[in-house]
Amino acid sequence: MLYRNTAASGQVDLVIYNDGNFAIINETDVTAEELLADGAQQVLSFGPALIEDDAVVVSEDDEVGKAKTSNPRTAIGVIDDLHYLFVVSDGRTNESAGLSLLQLAEFMKELGVTTAYNLDGGGSSTMYFNGEVINNPTTNGRSIVERSVSDIVYIGY
């Protein structure tokens, strides 16, 4: 199903195909209709890309918007066929400063990820696994509490 067919200049997205493969695309390089025809199941528009073709593609100068260097982060990656990895970093607390985009990419690379993409971070960085929240999400940097969000990324089995 197609929800949006407009492209933003410079926006890099993660495409998850029906067969489980990942691709990172620039929105202006391909149409939504072409993505659907190629088997796109989901297109996530957060960014930036962290790892492409087994290489880190962010630098220490890259950042999302006007965010601080170290923040709560969420990323998704693929190691090989149907072998995915989700990473969530806490941050903005005395216990955890968070990660920069480069630190997140380097960590995922150490874990063997070949393609990785930065998802929504900050107060949205919450990992739910086997029926419970397993990290310490912060909504405003002062309280450990989940923030309401309208979208989630999940893997079912």
N, C-alpha and C. Protein backbone atom coordinates (compact mmCIF):
# COMPACT_ATOMS: atom_id res chain seq x y z
N MET A 1 0.84 -1.17 0.00
CA MET A 1 0.00 0.00 0.00
C MET A 1 0.89 1.23 0.00
N LEU A 2 0.52 2.22 -0.76
CA LEU A 2 1.30 3.44 -0.89
C LEU A 2 0.64 4.55 -0.07
N TYR A 3 1.40 5.10 0.89
CA TYR A 3 0.89 6.18 1.73
C TYR A 3 1.40 7.55 1.30
N ARG A 4 2.56 7.58 0.66
CA ARG A 4 3.14 8.85 0.23
C ARG A 4 3.96 8.61 -1.02
N ASN A 5 3.83 9.51 -1.99
CA ASN A 5 4.64 9.36 -3.20
C ASN A 5 5.38 10.65 -3.54
N THR A 6 5.65 11.45 -2.54
CA THR A 6 6.46 12.65 -2.75
C THR A 6 7.87 12.38 -2.25
N ALA A 7 8.84 13.06 -2.83
CA ALA A 7 10.24 12.86 -2.46
C ALA A 7 10.81 14.15 -1.90
N ALA A 8 11.64 14.01 -0.89
CA ALA A 8 12.35 15.16 -0.30
C ALA A 8 13.80 15.12 -0.77
N SER A 9 14.27 16.22 -1.26
CA SER A 9 15.64 16.31 -1.74
C SER A 9 16.61 16.05 -0.59
N GLY A 10 17.56 15.14 -0.83
CA GLY A 10 18.58 14.84 0.17
C GLY A 10 18.16 13.85 1.24
N GLN A 11 16.89 13.41 1.22
CA GLN A 11 16.42 12.46 2.24
C GLN A 11 16.83 11.04 1.87
N VAL A 12 17.52 10.38 2.78
CA VAL A 12 17.97 9.01 2.59
C VAL A 12 17.07 8.11 3.42
N ASP A 13 16.52 7.07 2.80
CA ASP A 13 15.57 6.18 3.45
C ASP A 13 16.09 4.74 3.48
N LEU A 14 15.51 3.96 4.39
CA LEU A 14 15.78 2.53 4.44
C LEU A 14 14.59 1.81 3.85
N VAL A 15 14.85 0.97 2.85
CA VAL A 15 13.80 0.15 2.24
C VAL A 15 13.95 -1.27 2.76
N ILE A 16 12.85 -1.82 3.26
CA ILE A 16 12.81 -3.22 3.66
C ILE A 16 11.91 -3.93 2.65
N TYR A 17 12.52 -4.88 1.94
CA TYR A 17 11.80 -5.57 0.87
C TYR A 17 11.06 -6.79 1.40
N ASN A 18 10.10 -7.27 0.61
CA ASN A 18 9.29 -8.44 0.98
C ASN A 18 10.14 -9.66 1.33
N ASP A 19 11.31 -9.80 0.71
CA ASP A 19 12.17 -10.95 0.98
C ASP A 19 13.06 -10.74 2.20
N GLY A 20 12.94 -9.57 2.87
CA GLY A 20 13.72 -9.29 4.07
C GLY A 20 15.01 -8.53 3.82
N ASN A 21 15.38 -8.31 2.57
CA ASN A 21 16.59 -7.56 2.28
C ASN A 21 16.40 -6.07 2.56
N PHE A 22 17.50 -5.40 2.84
CA PHE A 22 17.52 -3.97 3.10
C PHE A 22 18.21 -3.25 1.95
N ALA A 23 17.81 -2.01 1.70
CA ALA A 23 18.52 -1.13 0.78
C ALA A 23 18.37 0.30 1.30
N ILE A 24 19.39 1.08 1.11
CA ILE A 24 19.34 2.50 1.47
C ILE A 24 19.27 3.27 0.17
N ILE A 25 18.26 4.14 0.08
CA ILE A 25 18.03 4.87 -1.17
C ILE A 25 17.91 6.36 -0.88
N ASN A 26 18.15 7.16 -1.90
CA ASN A 26 17.86 8.58 -1.85
C ASN A 26 16.48 8.75 -2.46
N GLU A 27 15.60 9.45 -1.77
CA GLU A 27 14.20 9.56 -2.22
C GLU A 27 14.05 10.09 -3.64
N THR A 28 14.95 10.96 -4.07
CA THR A 28 14.80 11.53 -5.41
C THR A 28 15.37 10.65 -6.51
N ASP A 29 15.99 9.52 -6.14
CA ASP A 29 16.56 8.62 -7.14
C ASP A 29 15.59 7.56 -7.65
N VAL A 30 14.46 7.39 -6.97
CA VAL A 30 13.52 6.34 -7.33
C VAL A 30 12.12 6.79 -6.92
N THR A 31 11.12 6.37 -7.69
CA THR A 31 9.75 6.75 -7.34
C THR A 31 9.15 5.72 -6.38
N ALA A 32 8.14 6.13 -5.67
CA ALA A 32 7.43 5.21 -4.77
C ALA A 32 6.84 4.05 -5.56
N GLU A 33 6.35 4.32 -6.74
CA GLU A 33 5.78 3.27 -7.57
C GLU A 33 6.84 2.24 -7.98
N GLU A 34 8.05 2.72 -8.27
CA GLU A 34 9.15 1.80 -8.61
C GLU A 34 9.52 0.94 -7.41
N LEU A 35 9.54 1.54 -6.22
CA LEU A 35 9.85 0.77 -5.02
C LEU A 35 8.82 -0.33 -4.79
N LEU A 36 7.54 0.01 -4.96
CA LEU A 36 6.48 -0.99 -4.81
C LEU A 36 6.66 -2.12 -5.83
N ALA A 37 6.93 -1.76 -7.07
CA ALA A 37 7.11 -2.76 -8.12
C ALA A 37 8.30 -3.66 -7.84
N ASP A 38 9.31 -3.13 -7.14
CA ASP A 38 10.50 -3.91 -6.79
C ASP A 38 10.32 -4.74 -5.52
N GLY A 39 9.14 -4.63 -4.89
CA GLY A 39 8.88 -5.46 -3.71
C GLY A 39 9.12 -4.79 -2.38
N ALA A 40 9.12 -3.45 -2.35
CA ALA A 40 9.30 -2.75 -1.08
C ALA A 40 8.10 -3.03 -0.17
N GLN A 41 8.37 -3.45 1.05
CA GLN A 41 7.33 -3.68 2.05
C GLN A 41 7.20 -2.45 2.95
N GLN A 42 8.33 -1.89 3.36
CA GLN A 42 8.37 -0.72 4.23
C GLN A 42 9.46 0.22 3.74
N VAL A 43 9.21 1.52 3.85
CA VAL A 43 10.24 2.51 3.60
C VAL A 43 10.26 3.41 4.84
N LEU A 44 11.39 3.41 5.53
CA LEU A 44 11.55 4.19 6.75
C LEU A 44 12.30 5.46 6.43
N SER A 45 11.74 6.59 6.85
CA SER A 45 12.30 7.89 6.50
C SER A 45 12.72 8.64 7.76
N PHE A 46 13.86 8.24 8.33
CA PHE A 46 14.45 8.93 9.47
C PHE A 46 15.86 9.34 9.06
N GLY A 47 16.80 8.43 9.25
CA GLY A 47 18.16 8.63 8.79
C GLY A 47 19.04 9.34 9.79
N PRO A 48 20.27 9.40 9.42
CA PRO A 48 20.86 9.02 8.15
C PRO A 48 21.26 7.54 8.11
N ALA A 49 21.76 7.13 6.94
CA ALA A 49 22.37 5.82 6.83
C ALA A 49 23.62 5.82 7.71
N LEU A 50 23.89 4.70 8.35
CA LEU A 50 25.07 4.56 9.20
C LEU A 50 26.13 3.68 8.54
N ILE A 51 25.68 2.57 7.94
CA ILE A 51 26.59 1.63 7.27
C ILE A 51 25.94 1.23 5.95
N GLU A 52 26.72 1.30 4.89
CA GLU A 52 26.27 0.82 3.58
C GLU A 52 27.38 -0.03 2.99
N ASP A 53 27.01 -1.17 2.41
CA ASP A 53 27.98 -2.06 1.77
C ASP A 53 29.16 -2.35 2.70
N ASP A 54 28.86 -2.58 3.97
CA ASP A 54 29.86 -2.97 4.97
C ASP A 54 30.82 -1.84 5.37
N ALA A 55 30.48 -0.59 5.02
CA ALA A 55 31.37 0.54 5.35
C ALA A 55 30.58 1.60 6.12
N VAL A 56 31.21 2.16 7.16
CA VAL A 56 30.61 3.26 7.91
C VAL A 56 30.53 4.47 6.99
N VAL A 57 29.34 5.09 6.91
CA VAL A 57 29.13 6.20 5.97
C VAL A 57 28.78 7.52 6.67
N VAL A 58 28.94 7.59 8.00
CA VAL A 58 28.77 8.86 8.71
C VAL A 58 30.12 9.27 9.29
N SER A 59 30.25 10.55 9.58
CA SER A 59 31.48 11.05 10.18
C SER A 59 31.15 11.65 11.54
N GLU A 60 32.17 12.07 12.25
CA GLU A 60 31.90 12.66 13.57
C GLU A 60 31.20 14.01 13.45
N ASP A 61 31.15 14.58 12.26
CA ASP A 61 30.46 15.86 12.06
C ASP A 61 28.99 15.69 11.70
N ASP A 62 28.56 14.47 11.38
CA ASP A 62 27.16 14.24 11.01
C ASP A 62 26.28 14.24 12.24
N GLU A 63 25.12 14.85 12.09
CA GLU A 63 24.15 14.89 13.18
C GLU A 63 22.78 15.11 12.58
N VAL A 64 21.76 14.73 13.34
CA VAL A 64 20.38 14.87 12.92
C VAL A 64 19.85 16.20 13.43
N GLY A 65 19.43 17.07 12.52
CA GLY A 65 18.86 18.35 12.92
C GLY A 65 19.81 19.13 13.81
N LYS A 66 19.29 19.66 14.89
CA LYS A 66 20.09 20.44 15.82
C LYS A 66 20.34 19.67 17.11
N ALA A 67 20.32 18.35 17.03
CA ALA A 67 20.51 17.51 18.21
C ALA A 67 21.94 17.62 18.73
N LYS A 68 22.12 17.29 19.99
CA LYS A 68 23.44 17.23 20.60
C LYS A 68 24.20 16.04 20.02
N THR A 69 25.50 16.03 20.22
CA THR A 69 26.31 14.94 19.70
C THR A 69 25.95 13.61 20.33
N SER A 70 25.86 13.55 21.65
CA SER A 70 25.51 12.30 22.32
C SER A 70 24.06 12.33 22.72
N ASN A 71 23.32 11.32 22.29
CA ASN A 71 21.89 11.26 22.52
C ASN A 71 21.42 9.82 22.63
N PRO A 72 20.20 9.62 23.14
CA PRO A 72 19.60 8.29 23.00
C PRO A 72 19.45 8.01 21.51
N ARG A 73 19.75 6.80 21.11
CA ARG A 73 19.71 6.45 19.68
C ARG A 73 19.01 5.11 19.50
N THR A 74 18.42 4.95 18.32
CA THR A 74 17.85 3.68 17.91
C THR A 74 18.29 3.43 16.48
N ALA A 75 18.73 2.21 16.20
CA ALA A 75 19.16 1.86 14.85
C ALA A 75 18.76 0.43 14.54
N ILE A 76 18.64 0.17 13.25
CA ILE A 76 18.34 -1.17 12.76
C ILE A 76 19.43 -1.53 11.76
N GLY A 77 19.81 -2.79 11.78
CA GLY A 77 20.84 -3.24 10.85
C GLY A 77 20.60 -4.67 10.43
N VAL A 78 21.30 -5.06 9.40
CA VAL A 78 21.25 -6.44 8.91
C VAL A 78 22.67 -6.97 8.86
N ILE A 79 22.82 -8.20 9.33
CA ILE A 79 24.13 -8.86 9.30
C ILE A 79 24.24 -9.71 8.04
N ASP A 80 23.21 -10.52 7.78
CA ASP A 80 23.10 -11.29 6.54
C ASP A 80 21.63 -11.66 6.37
N ASP A 81 21.33 -12.54 5.44
CA ASP A 81 19.94 -12.86 5.12
C ASP A 81 19.13 -13.19 6.37
N LEU A 82 18.08 -12.41 6.59
CA LEU A 82 17.14 -12.60 7.69
C LEU A 82 17.79 -12.61 9.07
N HIS A 83 18.94 -11.95 9.21
CA HIS A 83 19.65 -11.83 10.48
C HIS A 83 19.78 -10.34 10.79
N TYR A 84 18.85 -9.86 11.61
CA TYR A 84 18.72 -8.44 11.89
C TYR A 84 19.25 -8.10 13.27
N LEU A 85 19.53 -6.82 13.46
CA LEU A 85 20.03 -6.34 14.73
C LEU A 85 19.39 -4.99 15.03
N PHE A 86 18.83 -4.86 16.21
CA PHE A 86 18.32 -3.58 16.69
C PHE A 86 19.24 -3.12 17.82
N VAL A 87 19.60 -1.86 17.82
CA VAL A 87 20.41 -1.29 18.90
C VAL A 87 19.69 -0.07 19.43
N VAL A 88 19.55 -0.02 20.75
CA VAL A 88 19.00 1.16 21.42
C VAL A 88 19.99 1.59 22.47
N SER A 89 20.33 2.87 22.46
CA SER A 89 21.23 3.45 23.45
C SER A 89 20.43 4.43 24.30
N ASP A 90 20.56 4.29 25.62
CA ASP A 90 19.99 5.30 26.51
C ASP A 90 20.85 6.55 26.40
N GLY A 91 20.41 7.62 27.02
CA GLY A 91 21.19 8.85 27.02
C GLY A 91 20.50 9.96 27.78
N ARG A 92 21.21 11.08 27.88
CA ARG A 92 20.71 12.27 28.57
C ARG A 92 20.50 12.05 30.06
N THR A 93 21.26 11.12 30.63
CA THR A 93 21.18 10.87 32.08
C THR A 93 22.59 10.79 32.64
N ASN A 94 22.70 10.77 33.96
CA ASN A 94 24.00 10.61 34.61
C ASN A 94 24.60 9.24 34.32
N GLU A 95 23.75 8.24 34.11
CA GLU A 95 24.22 6.88 33.84
C GLU A 95 24.66 6.67 32.41
N SER A 96 24.08 7.42 31.48
CA SER A 96 24.39 7.24 30.06
C SER A 96 24.27 8.56 29.31
N ALA A 97 25.38 8.98 28.72
CA ALA A 97 25.36 10.21 27.93
C ALA A 97 24.70 9.99 26.58
N GLY A 98 24.70 8.74 26.12
CA GLY A 98 24.19 8.44 24.79
C GLY A 98 25.34 8.24 23.83
N LEU A 99 25.03 8.22 22.54
CA LEU A 99 26.02 7.99 21.50
C LEU A 99 25.90 9.05 20.42
N SER A 100 27.01 9.33 19.75
CA SER A 100 26.96 10.12 18.52
C SER A 100 26.58 9.15 17.40
N LEU A 101 26.23 9.70 16.25
CA LEU A 101 25.92 8.84 15.11
C LEU A 101 27.13 8.00 14.71
N LEU A 102 28.32 8.59 14.75
CA LEU A 102 29.53 7.84 14.41
C LEU A 102 29.76 6.71 15.41
N GLN A 103 29.60 6.98 16.70
CA GLN A 103 29.77 5.93 17.70
C GLN A 103 28.78 4.80 17.49
N LEU A 104 27.54 5.15 17.17
CA LEU A 104 26.52 4.14 16.91
C LEU A 104 26.90 3.29 15.70
N ALA A 105 27.34 3.94 14.63
CA ALA A 105 27.75 3.22 13.42
C ALA A 105 28.94 2.30 13.70
N GLU A 106 29.93 2.80 14.41
CA GLU A 106 31.11 1.99 14.71
C GLU A 106 30.75 0.78 15.58
N PHE A 107 29.84 0.98 16.53
CA PHE A 107 29.40 -0.12 17.38
C PHE A 107 28.70 -1.19 16.54
N MET A 108 27.81 -0.76 15.66
CA MET A 108 27.09 -1.71 14.82
C MET A 108 28.06 -2.44 13.88
N LYS A 109 29.04 -1.74 13.38
CA LYS A 109 30.06 -2.36 12.52
C LYS A 109 30.80 -3.45 13.28
N GLU A 110 31.15 -3.17 14.55
CA GLU A 110 31.83 -4.17 15.39
C GLU A 110 30.97 -5.41 15.59
N LEU A 111 29.64 -5.25 15.54
CA LEU A 111 28.73 -6.38 15.70
C LEU A 111 28.50 -7.16 14.41
N GLY A 112 29.13 -6.71 13.31
CA GLY A 112 29.05 -7.44 12.06
C GLY A 112 27.97 -6.97 11.11
N VAL A 113 27.39 -5.81 11.36
CA VAL A 113 26.32 -5.29 10.52
C VAL A 113 26.89 -4.82 9.18
N THR A 114 26.20 -5.15 8.08
CA THR A 114 26.64 -4.73 6.74
C THR A 114 25.84 -3.54 6.21
N THR A 115 24.62 -3.37 6.70
CA THR A 115 23.77 -2.22 6.37
C THR A 115 23.10 -1.77 7.66
N ALA A 116 23.19 -0.47 7.97
CA ALA A 116 22.57 0.04 9.19
C ALA A 116 21.97 1.42 8.93
N TYR A 117 20.90 1.69 9.65
CA TYR A 117 20.15 2.91 9.45
C TYR A 117 19.72 3.47 10.80
N ASN A 118 19.86 4.76 10.98
CA ASN A 118 19.45 5.45 12.19
C ASN A 118 17.94 5.68 12.18
N LEU A 119 17.27 5.25 13.22
CA LEU A 119 15.83 5.47 13.37
C LEU A 119 15.59 6.67 14.28
N ASP A 120 14.34 6.91 14.64
CA ASP A 120 14.02 8.00 15.54
C ASP A 120 14.71 7.76 16.88
N GLY A 121 15.27 8.79 17.46
CA GLY A 121 16.00 8.66 18.71
C GLY A 121 15.37 9.49 19.81
N GLY A 122 16.20 9.97 20.71
CA GLY A 122 15.71 10.77 21.82
C GLY A 122 14.72 9.99 22.66
N GLY A 123 13.62 10.63 23.01
CA GLY A 123 12.61 10.00 23.84
C GLY A 123 11.91 8.83 23.20
N SER A 124 12.08 8.67 21.88
CA SER A 124 11.48 7.53 21.19
C SER A 124 12.33 6.27 21.30
N SER A 125 13.53 6.39 21.82
CA SER A 125 14.45 5.25 21.90
C SER A 125 14.05 4.31 23.02
N THR A 126 13.17 3.39 22.68
CA THR A 126 12.67 2.41 23.64
C THR A 126 12.75 1.03 23.00
N MET A 127 13.29 0.06 23.72
CA MET A 127 13.32 -1.30 23.22
C MET A 127 12.44 -2.18 24.11
N TYR A 128 11.50 -2.83 23.45
CA TYR A 128 10.55 -3.73 24.09
C TYR A 128 10.87 -5.12 23.61
N PHE A 129 11.14 -6.04 24.52
CA PHE A 129 11.54 -7.40 24.14
C PHE A 129 10.93 -8.40 25.10
N ASN A 130 10.30 -9.44 24.54
CA ASN A 130 9.69 -10.49 25.33
C ASN A 130 8.80 -9.95 26.44
N GLY A 131 7.99 -8.95 26.11
CA GLY A 131 6.98 -8.46 27.04
C GLY A 131 7.40 -7.38 28.00
N GLU A 132 8.62 -6.84 27.84
CA GLU A 132 9.02 -5.78 28.76
C GLU A 132 9.98 -4.80 28.10
N VAL A 133 9.99 -3.58 28.62
CA VAL A 133 10.95 -2.56 28.19
C VAL A 133 12.28 -2.92 28.81
N ILE A 134 13.33 -3.01 27.99
CA ILE A 134 14.62 -3.47 28.51
C ILE A 134 15.68 -2.37 28.56
N ASN A 135 15.30 -1.14 28.25
CA ASN A 135 16.24 -0.03 28.42
C ASN A 135 15.61 1.01 29.33
N ASN A 136 16.24 2.15 29.47
CA ASN A 136 15.75 3.23 30.32
C ASN A 136 15.46 4.47 29.47
N PRO A 137 14.31 4.48 28.80
CA PRO A 137 14.00 5.62 27.92
C PRO A 137 13.75 6.90 28.71
N THR A 138 14.20 8.01 28.15
CA THR A 138 13.96 9.31 28.78
C THR A 138 13.10 10.16 27.86
N THR A 139 12.12 10.81 28.42
CA THR A 139 11.27 11.67 27.60
C THR A 139 11.82 13.08 27.53
N ASN A 140 12.46 13.53 28.58
CA ASN A 140 12.93 14.92 28.59
C ASN A 140 14.31 15.05 29.22
N GLY A 141 14.98 13.93 29.45
CA GLY A 141 16.30 13.97 30.06
C GLY A 141 16.27 14.01 31.57
N ARG A 142 15.08 14.10 32.13
CA ARG A 142 14.98 14.17 33.58
C ARG A 142 14.22 12.99 34.17
N SER A 143 13.44 12.30 33.37
CA SER A 143 12.66 11.19 33.92
C SER A 143 12.79 9.96 33.03
N ILE A 144 12.85 8.81 33.69
CA ILE A 144 12.93 7.53 32.97
C ILE A 144 11.49 7.05 32.79
N VAL A 145 10.96 7.29 31.61
CA VAL A 145 9.58 6.90 31.32
C VAL A 145 9.43 6.80 29.80
N GLU A 146 8.57 5.88 29.37
CA GLU A 146 8.31 5.74 27.94
C GLU A 146 7.52 6.93 27.42
N ARG A 147 7.82 7.31 26.20
CA ARG A 147 7.08 8.38 25.54
C ARG A 147 6.10 7.75 24.56
N SER A 148 4.92 8.30 24.46
CA SER A 148 3.96 7.82 23.47
C SER A 148 4.50 8.08 22.07
N VAL A 149 4.41 7.07 21.21
CA VAL A 149 4.84 7.20 19.82
C VAL A 149 3.76 6.62 18.93
N SER A 150 3.72 7.09 17.70
CA SER A 150 2.69 6.62 16.77
C SER A 150 3.16 5.48 15.88
N ASP A 151 4.46 5.25 15.80
CA ASP A 151 5.01 4.22 14.92
C ASP A 151 5.99 3.35 15.69
N ILE A 152 6.07 2.09 15.30
CA ILE A 152 7.06 1.18 15.86
C ILE A 152 7.65 0.35 14.74
N VAL A 153 8.83 -0.17 14.98
CA VAL A 153 9.44 -1.14 14.08
C VAL A 153 9.57 -2.42 14.89
N TYR A 154 9.07 -3.51 14.34
CA TYR A 154 9.13 -4.76 15.07
C TYR A 154 9.35 -5.92 14.12
N ILE A 155 9.84 -7.00 14.70
CA ILE A 155 10.02 -8.26 13.99
C ILE A 155 9.19 -9.28 14.74
N GLY A 156 8.31 -9.95 14.04
CA GLY A 156 7.48 -10.98 14.65
C GLY A 156 7.95 -12.36 14.21
N TYR A 157 7.58 -13.32 14.97
CA TYR A 157 7.93 -14.70 14.59
C TYR A 157 6.80 -15.63 14.96
